[in-house]
Amino acid sequence: MQTVVIVNVFSMFPLLFTIYLAKRHLSGSRQNWYYIFASVITIMLLFMEIIAGLMSSKAGNIALAVHYLSYALGYALTPLVPMVILFYLGCSAWSFAKKLWLFVPMVVNILISILSMQSGWYFTILTSNTYQRGPYFWFVTAFSAYYYGWILIRLLQINKTRVVPSKFLLGFVYTLPIVSTTIQLATRDEIYVFSTVGVSLLLYYLIVQEARFDYDMQTQVRNREAFEQELLSRQYHERDSAIFMFDVNNLKSTNDVWGHQEGDSLLFCVAQILTKLFEPEGKVFRIGGDEFAVILPLSKKSDPDLFQQKFLASVALANESRVHPISIAYGYAISDKAEGISLRKAFHLADEAMYRNKSEQRQILREHS
């Protein structure tokens, strides 16, 4: 038991570091407050385990009462950590009816935890002031598993709409608390579940923050650094790819006349159009202030001309509801290993095609002015 106390005490330090990092990156975001809340709850759970360990086998009514209270709170709060993580992942925007699917199991678990002090459903504290599992102790694990299942579903849902880290690293962090919980269910030994949860929370936050370095936070698409890395990794790729270039016209004048907020909205709208059209087959990048690039691996289903036509149709559709319409120059080129056209060369050819289109658009404007 002394080992458990020591491990839990030291597990609090990475959680405090997580809270420090999350507060530094708040930037007005409510999502990070949910993450901080989850970390605080985990610290409370670790503290409850420490108290339970210190009170075990101690004589006296006060020690017995504290022992009861620590386990009741521990069982009550355990599923709250993954539930709060769901809010961090965007479930706070769900409708009230859908949120009931999250709140009802939590309320049921809290009630059972409180009643267990009298009924012994989750746990019993024997007259020797030692802990004993109750017949339904596995309910709390089932409630937690319910929320972890929702987390998995949510991660799969947001994979196309939010910045996400490596699936391998994310899967590793995700399985840590599940594995430790499974082992604890199978044995009566101390497995340090909440210590594992604490480490997982820290790793998850660090991995997500690291992944953001490859993304442009303003438009939620990959940035120039990620684009260069993609070109480098595909340098010896066997499959040919199409690379599209897009340049938003009159961004500077939009910022000057209507303000940077309107300019930001314009860029975000273009990024959303490109993402909806090209992903998941292709990858969208913001490579400059008003420039975007798309790398699309060629296949039987990926006709570059068709994608370009669909893009123009999407822009026309978006302009029907925009006060300040989108005007954009575009062009593409295809890498061809047989012809000695690398993806890097195709990038330059696409850039030239885009600037030719920009010149053509300016010529048309002059002819109609």
Protein backbone atom coordinates (compact mmCIF):
# COMPACT_ATOMS: atom_id res chain seq x y z
CA MET A 1 0.00 0.00 0.00
CA GLN A 2 2.89 2.34 0.72
CA THR A 3 4.08 1.83 -2.87
CA VAL A 4 0.64 2.87 -4.17
CA VAL A 5 0.80 6.07 -2.13
CA ILE A 6 4.25 6.95 -3.47
CA VAL A 7 3.28 6.22 -7.09
CA ASN A 8 0.09 8.27 -6.80
CA VAL A 9 1.93 11.23 -5.26
CA PHE A 10 4.44 11.29 -8.10
CA SER A 11 1.66 10.80 -10.68
CA MET A 12 0.20 14.13 -9.61
CA PHE A 13 3.23 16.02 -10.91
CA PRO A 14 2.70 15.25 -14.63
CA LEU A 15 -0.97 16.15 -14.19
CA LEU A 16 -0.05 19.50 -12.66
CA PHE A 17 2.31 20.02 -15.61
CA THR A 18 -0.58 19.20 -17.96
CA ILE A 19 -2.77 21.79 -16.27
CA TYR A 20 0.03 24.35 -16.60
CA LEU A 21 0.37 23.62 -20.34
CA ALA A 22 -3.38 23.69 -20.93
CA LYS A 23 -3.73 27.06 -19.20
CA ARG A 24 -0.91 28.48 -21.34
CA HIS A 25 -2.77 27.47 -24.51
CA LEU A 26 -6.27 28.52 -23.50
CA SER A 27 -6.47 31.34 -26.07
CA GLY A 28 -10.08 31.89 -25.07
CA SER A 29 -10.93 28.26 -25.83
CA ARG A 30 -13.49 26.59 -23.61
CA GLN A 31 -12.25 23.16 -24.74
CA ASN A 32 -9.03 23.44 -22.75
CA TRP A 33 -11.02 24.17 -19.61
CA TYR A 34 -12.61 20.74 -20.00
CA TYR A 35 -9.15 19.22 -20.28
CA ILE A 36 -8.03 21.04 -17.13
CA PHE A 37 -11.18 19.82 -15.36
CA ALA A 38 -10.41 16.20 -16.34
CA SER A 39 -6.88 16.57 -14.98
CA VAL A 40 -8.17 18.06 -11.71
CA ILE A 41 -10.63 15.17 -11.29
CA THR A 42 -7.82 12.66 -11.85
CA ILE A 43 -5.74 14.41 -9.18
CA MET A 44 -8.73 14.13 -6.84
CA LEU A 45 -8.99 10.40 -7.60
CA LEU A 46 -5.30 9.92 -6.91
CA PHE A 47 -5.74 11.83 -3.65
CA MET A 48 -8.70 9.61 -2.69
CA GLU A 49 -6.56 6.51 -3.27
CA ILE A 50 -3.82 7.98 -1.09
CA ILE A 51 -6.29 8.72 1.70
CA ALA A 52 -7.78 5.22 1.40
CA GLY A 53 -4.30 3.72 1.63
CA LEU A 54 -3.38 5.76 4.67
CA MET A 55 -6.68 5.01 6.46
CA SER A 56 -6.63 1.27 5.79
CA SER A 57 -6.50 -0.79 9.02
CA LYS A 58 -6.42 2.38 11.14
CA ALA A 59 -8.49 2.23 14.32
CA GLY A 60 -11.20 4.70 15.24
CA ASN A 61 -14.52 5.95 13.91
CA ILE A 62 -12.97 8.96 12.13
CA ALA A 63 -10.57 6.73 10.18
CA LEU A 64 -13.49 4.43 9.28
CA ALA A 65 -15.65 7.36 8.10
CA VAL A 66 -12.83 8.87 6.02
CA HIS A 67 -12.13 5.44 4.53
CA TYR A 68 -15.80 5.07 3.50
CA LEU A 69 -15.92 8.58 2.07
CA SER A 70 -12.71 8.20 0.04
CA TYR A 71 -13.98 5.05 -1.71
CA ALA A 72 -17.46 6.50 -2.27
CA LEU A 73 -15.96 9.59 -3.93
CA GLY A 74 -13.48 7.48 -5.86
CA TYR A 75 -16.18 5.25 -7.36
CA ALA A 76 -18.46 8.24 -8.00
CA LEU A 77 -15.81 10.26 -9.87
CA THR A 78 -14.11 7.48 -11.86
CA PRO A 79 -16.35 7.64 -14.99
CA LEU A 80 -16.35 11.44 -14.83
CA VAL A 81 -12.82 11.65 -16.31
CA PRO A 82 -13.67 10.06 -19.70
CA MET A 83 -17.02 11.91 -19.72
CA VAL A 84 -15.28 15.29 -19.39
CA ILE A 85 -12.81 14.26 -22.11
CA LEU A 86 -15.83 13.82 -24.38
CA PHE A 87 -16.72 17.46 -23.77
CA TYR A 88 -13.11 18.37 -24.58
CA LEU A 89 -13.57 16.51 -27.87
CA GLY A 90 -16.55 18.68 -28.79
CA CYS A 91 -19.56 16.93 -27.24
CA SER A 92 -20.38 20.16 -25.40
CA ALA A 93 -22.06 21.25 -28.65
CA TRP A 94 -24.47 18.30 -28.60
CA SER A 95 -28.18 18.88 -28.10
CA PHE A 96 -29.65 18.46 -24.62
CA ALA A 97 -31.35 15.21 -25.63
CA LYS A 98 -28.07 13.73 -26.85
CA LYS A 99 -26.20 14.90 -23.75
CA LEU A 100 -28.62 12.83 -21.66
CA TRP A 101 -26.82 9.76 -23.03
CA LEU A 102 -23.78 11.05 -21.16
CA PHE A 103 -25.35 12.43 -17.99
CA VAL A 104 -27.77 9.61 -17.11
CA PRO A 105 -25.12 6.87 -16.64
CA MET A 106 -23.03 9.32 -14.60
CA VAL A 107 -25.94 10.16 -12.28
CA VAL A 108 -26.77 6.44 -11.86
CA ASN A 109 -23.15 5.68 -10.95
CA ILE A 110 -23.04 8.50 -8.39
CA LEU A 111 -26.23 7.23 -6.73
CA ILE A 112 -24.91 3.66 -6.55
CA SER A 113 -21.62 4.94 -5.10
CA ILE A 114 -23.43 6.84 -2.35
CA LEU A 115 -25.80 3.95 -1.57
CA SER A 116 -22.85 1.53 -1.48
CA MET A 117 -21.74 3.01 1.84
CA GLN A 118 -24.83 1.34 3.30
CA SER A 119 -25.64 -1.46 0.85
CA GLY A 120 -22.12 -2.65 -0.02
CA TRP A 121 -22.94 -2.86 -3.75
CA TYR A 122 -19.62 -1.38 -4.89
CA PHE A 123 -17.51 -1.84 -1.76
CA THR A 124 -17.55 -2.60 1.96
CA ILE A 125 -15.24 -1.42 4.71
CA LEU A 126 -14.88 -4.30 7.17
CA THR A 127 -14.78 -3.86 10.94
CA SER A 128 -10.99 -4.12 10.71
CA ASN A 129 -11.18 -0.96 8.52
CA THR A 130 -10.02 -2.82 5.41
CA TYR A 131 -11.54 -2.52 1.95
CA GLN A 132 -13.50 -5.33 0.29
CA ARG A 133 -15.03 -5.29 -3.20
CA GLY A 134 -18.81 -5.50 -3.46
CA PRO A 135 -20.75 -7.79 -5.83
CA TYR A 136 -21.35 -4.99 -8.35
CA PHE A 137 -17.95 -3.26 -8.23
CA TRP A 138 -17.54 -3.94 -11.95
CA PHE A 139 -20.45 -1.59 -12.72
CA VAL A 140 -18.17 1.43 -12.37
CA THR A 141 -15.78 -0.12 -14.90
CA ALA A 142 -18.70 -0.76 -17.24
CA PHE A 143 -19.77 2.90 -16.94
CA SER A 144 -16.21 4.03 -17.67
CA ALA A 145 -16.00 1.64 -20.64
CA TYR A 146 -19.22 3.19 -21.94
CA TYR A 147 -17.57 6.61 -22.03
CA TYR A 148 -14.34 5.24 -23.49
CA GLY A 149 -16.44 3.73 -26.26
CA TRP A 150 -17.94 7.15 -26.96
CA ILE A 151 -14.43 8.64 -26.98
CA LEU A 152 -13.39 6.16 -29.66
CA ILE A 153 -16.47 6.98 -31.74
CA ARG A 154 -15.85 10.69 -31.32
CA LEU A 155 -12.18 10.40 -32.34
CA LEU A 156 -13.24 8.61 -35.52
CA GLN A 157 -15.86 11.31 -36.22
CA ILE A 158 -13.54 14.28 -35.77
CA ASN A 159 -10.74 12.70 -37.80
CA LYS A 160 -11.93 14.55 -40.90
CA THR A 161 -12.68 17.90 -39.29
CA ARG A 162 -10.07 18.61 -36.63
CA VAL A 163 -6.33 18.55 -36.15
CA VAL A 164 -5.43 15.00 -35.12
CA PRO A 165 -2.15 13.37 -34.19
CA SER A 166 -0.64 10.07 -35.31
CA LYS A 167 -3.23 7.29 -35.13
CA PHE A 168 -0.60 4.90 -33.76
CA LEU A 169 0.39 7.22 -30.90
CA LEU A 170 -3.22 8.10 -30.19
CA GLY A 171 -4.18 4.41 -30.10
CA PHE A 172 -1.31 3.66 -27.72
CA VAL A 173 -2.33 6.40 -25.29
CA TYR A 174 -6.00 5.43 -25.59
CA THR A 175 -5.34 1.77 -24.69
CA LEU A 176 -3.21 2.45 -21.59
CA PRO A 177 -6.11 3.07 -19.14
CA ILE A 178 -8.17 0.32 -20.78
CA VAL A 179 -5.40 -2.26 -20.30
CA SER A 180 -4.74 -1.24 -16.69
CA THR A 181 -8.47 -1.34 -15.89
CA THR A 182 -8.83 -4.79 -17.47
CA ILE A 183 -5.93 -6.13 -15.40
CA GLN A 184 -7.40 -4.70 -12.23
CA LEU A 185 -10.73 -6.34 -12.99
CA ALA A 186 -9.00 -9.69 -13.34
CA THR A 187 -6.98 -9.40 -10.12
CA ARG A 188 -7.27 -7.95 -6.66
CA ASP A 189 -3.82 -6.40 -6.76
CA GLU A 190 -3.22 -2.68 -6.95
CA ILE A 191 -2.66 -1.82 -10.63
CA TYR A 192 -2.44 1.98 -10.34
CA VAL A 193 -5.31 2.70 -12.74
CA PHE A 194 -5.52 6.41 -12.00
CA SER A 195 -1.76 6.78 -12.25
CA THR A 196 -2.07 5.35 -15.76
CA VAL A 197 -4.93 7.72 -16.55
CA GLY A 198 -2.82 10.65 -15.35
CA VAL A 199 0.10 9.68 -17.58
CA SER A 200 -2.29 9.11 -20.50
CA LEU A 201 -3.79 12.58 -20.10
CA LEU A 202 -0.35 14.17 -20.20
CA LEU A 203 0.79 12.12 -23.22
CA TYR A 204 -2.44 12.81 -25.09
CA TYR A 205 -2.15 16.55 -24.57
CA LEU A 206 1.50 16.63 -25.62
CA ILE A 207 0.80 14.54 -28.73
CA VAL A 208 -2.12 16.76 -29.76
CA GLN A 209 -0.05 19.91 -29.26
CA GLU A 210 2.83 18.43 -31.27
CA ALA A 211 0.44 17.59 -34.11
CA ARG A 212 -0.68 21.21 -34.24
CA PHE A 213 2.78 22.24 -35.45
CA ASP A 214 1.88 20.73 -38.84
CA TYR A 215 -1.40 22.62 -39.07
CA ASP A 216 -2.46 26.19 -39.75
CA MET A 217 -4.74 27.03 -36.84
CA GLN A 218 -6.53 29.80 -38.73
CA THR A 219 -7.84 27.53 -41.50
CA GLN A 220 -7.50 24.09 -39.84
CA VAL A 221 -5.57 22.63 -42.79
CA ARG A 222 -1.91 21.56 -42.96
CA ASN A 223 0.75 24.27 -43.17
CA ARG A 224 3.78 24.92 -45.39
CA GLU A 225 6.09 22.82 -43.21
CA ALA A 226 3.78 19.83 -43.55
CA PHE A 227 3.63 20.46 -47.31
CA GLU A 228 7.42 20.36 -47.62
CA GLN A 229 7.54 17.18 -45.55
CA GLU A 230 4.91 15.61 -47.80
CA LEU A 231 6.87 16.48 -50.94
CA LEU A 232 10.03 15.02 -49.41
CA SER A 233 8.35 11.80 -48.29
CA ARG A 234 6.83 11.30 -51.77
CA GLN A 235 10.09 11.99 -53.59
CA TYR A 236 10.58 8.33 -54.48
CA HIS A 237 6.91 7.38 -54.46
CA GLU A 238 5.85 4.99 -57.19
CA ARG A 239 2.34 6.41 -57.66
CA ASP A 240 1.78 9.53 -59.72
CA SER A 241 -0.08 12.43 -58.12
CA ALA A 242 -1.82 15.62 -59.18
CA ILE A 243 -0.91 18.80 -57.39
CA PHE A 244 -3.34 21.73 -57.40
CA MET A 245 -2.48 25.34 -56.63
CA PHE A 246 -5.00 27.98 -55.53
CA ASP A 247 -4.44 31.69 -54.94
CA VAL A 248 -7.15 33.80 -53.28
CA ASN A 249 -7.55 37.01 -55.25
CA ASN A 250 -7.78 40.41 -53.56
CA LEU A 251 -7.14 39.19 -50.02
CA LYS A 252 -5.17 42.34 -49.19
CA SER A 253 -7.92 44.65 -50.47
CA THR A 254 -10.50 42.62 -48.52
CA ASN A 255 -8.47 43.10 -45.34
CA ASP A 256 -7.99 46.81 -46.05
CA VAL A 257 -11.61 47.58 -46.92
CA TRP A 258 -13.62 45.14 -44.81
CA GLY A 259 -11.16 44.28 -42.05
CA HIS A 260 -8.99 41.27 -41.22
CA GLN A 261 -11.95 39.41 -39.75
CA GLU A 262 -13.57 39.28 -43.18
CA GLY A 263 -10.25 38.25 -44.72
CA ASP A 264 -9.91 35.44 -42.18
CA SER A 265 -13.46 34.32 -42.94
CA LEU A 266 -12.64 34.27 -46.65
CA LEU A 267 -9.57 32.07 -46.12
CA PHE A 268 -11.44 29.71 -43.81
CA CYS A 269 -14.26 29.34 -46.33
CA VAL A 270 -11.79 28.47 -49.11
CA ALA A 271 -10.06 25.93 -46.84
CA GLN A 272 -13.41 24.31 -46.01
CA ILE A 273 -14.36 24.06 -49.69
CA LEU A 274 -11.03 22.40 -50.52
CA THR A 275 -11.23 20.04 -47.54
CA LYS A 276 -14.76 18.93 -48.35
CA LEU A 277 -13.89 18.38 -52.00
CA PHE A 278 -10.50 16.67 -51.82
CA GLU A 279 -10.25 14.85 -48.49
CA PRO A 280 -9.77 12.10 -47.51
CA GLU A 281 -8.29 11.09 -50.89
CA GLY A 282 -6.12 14.22 -51.08
CA LYS A 283 -4.34 16.46 -48.59
CA VAL A 284 -4.98 20.20 -48.32
CA PHE A 285 -2.25 22.66 -47.33
CA ARG A 286 -2.05 26.39 -46.75
CA ILE A 287 1.41 27.20 -48.09
CA GLY A 288 1.29 31.01 -47.98
CA GLY A 289 -0.81 33.95 -46.85
CA ASP A 290 -3.36 33.51 -49.64
CA GLU A 291 -2.11 30.33 -51.31
CA PHE A 292 -3.35 26.76 -50.91
CA ALA A 293 -2.06 23.51 -52.39
CA VAL A 294 -3.63 20.07 -52.70
CA ILE A 295 -1.80 16.80 -53.31
CA LEU A 296 -4.10 14.18 -54.83
CA PRO A 297 -2.81 10.64 -55.53
CA LEU A 298 -4.05 9.56 -58.95
CA SER A 299 -6.40 6.60 -59.28
CA LYS A 300 -9.23 5.47 -61.53
CA LYS A 301 -11.62 7.65 -59.51
CA SER A 302 -9.45 10.80 -59.34
CA ASP A 303 -9.77 12.80 -62.57
CA PRO A 304 -7.99 16.15 -61.98
CA ASP A 305 -10.16 17.95 -64.55
CA LEU A 306 -13.30 16.72 -62.82
CA PHE A 307 -12.00 17.85 -59.43
CA GLN A 308 -11.24 21.28 -60.85
CA GLN A 309 -14.76 21.57 -62.27
CA LYS A 310 -16.25 20.48 -58.94
CA PHE A 311 -14.14 23.11 -57.19
CA LEU A 312 -15.45 25.89 -59.44
CA ALA A 313 -19.00 24.67 -58.85
CA SER A 314 -18.41 24.66 -55.06
CA VAL A 315 -17.08 28.22 -55.17
CA ALA A 316 -20.07 29.36 -57.23
CA LEU A 317 -22.42 27.71 -54.72
CA ALA A 318 -20.65 29.34 -51.77
CA ASN A 319 -20.80 32.76 -53.44
CA GLU A 320 -24.60 32.58 -53.60
CA SER A 321 -24.72 33.17 -49.84
CA ARG A 322 -21.60 35.33 -49.37
CA VAL A 323 -21.71 39.12 -49.12
CA HIS A 324 -18.12 39.31 -50.39
CA PRO A 325 -17.71 36.64 -53.09
CA ILE A 326 -14.71 34.36 -53.42
CA SER A 327 -12.40 35.03 -56.34
CA ILE A 328 -9.60 32.52 -56.78
CA ALA A 329 -6.96 31.60 -59.34
CA TYR A 330 -6.20 27.94 -59.88
CA GLY A 331 -4.06 25.47 -61.79
CA TYR A 332 -2.74 21.94 -61.55
CA ALA A 333 -0.02 19.64 -62.88
CA ILE A 334 0.65 15.91 -62.70
CA SER A 335 3.82 14.18 -61.57
CA ASP A 336 4.86 11.43 -63.96
CA LYS A 337 7.76 9.19 -63.00
CA ALA A 338 7.96 7.72 -66.50
CA GLU A 339 8.36 11.22 -67.97
CA GLY A 340 10.80 12.32 -65.28
CA ILE A 341 8.35 14.80 -63.72
CA SER A 342 8.80 14.67 -59.97
CA LEU A 343 6.20 15.95 -57.56
CA ARG A 344 8.48 18.90 -56.81
CA LYS A 345 8.59 19.76 -60.52
CA ALA A 346 4.84 19.26 -60.79
CA PHE A 347 4.49 21.76 -57.94
CA HIS A 348 6.33 24.41 -59.95
CA LEU A 349 4.32 23.58 -63.09
CA ALA A 350 1.06 23.87 -61.13
CA ASP A 351 2.23 27.20 -59.72
CA GLU A 352 2.90 28.46 -63.25
CA ALA A 353 -0.53 27.23 -64.41
CA MET A 354 -2.16 29.05 -61.48
CA TYR A 355 -0.43 32.33 -62.34
CA ARG A 356 -1.47 31.97 -65.99
CA ASN A 357 -5.05 31.60 -64.80
CA LYS A 358 -4.65 34.67 -62.59
CA SER A 359 -3.44 36.68 -65.59
CA GLU A 360 -6.37 35.44 -67.68
CA GLN A 361 -8.81 36.51 -64.95
CA ARG A 362 -7.24 39.97 -64.80
CA GLN A 363 -7.46 40.28 -68.58
CA ILE A 364 -11.15 39.40 -68.50
CA LEU A 365 -11.75 42.01 -65.79
CA ARG A 366 -9.98 44.66 -67.85
CA GLU A 367 -12.03 43.80 -70.93
CA HIS A 368 -15.27 44.15 -68.99
CA SER A 369 -14.30 47.34 -67.17
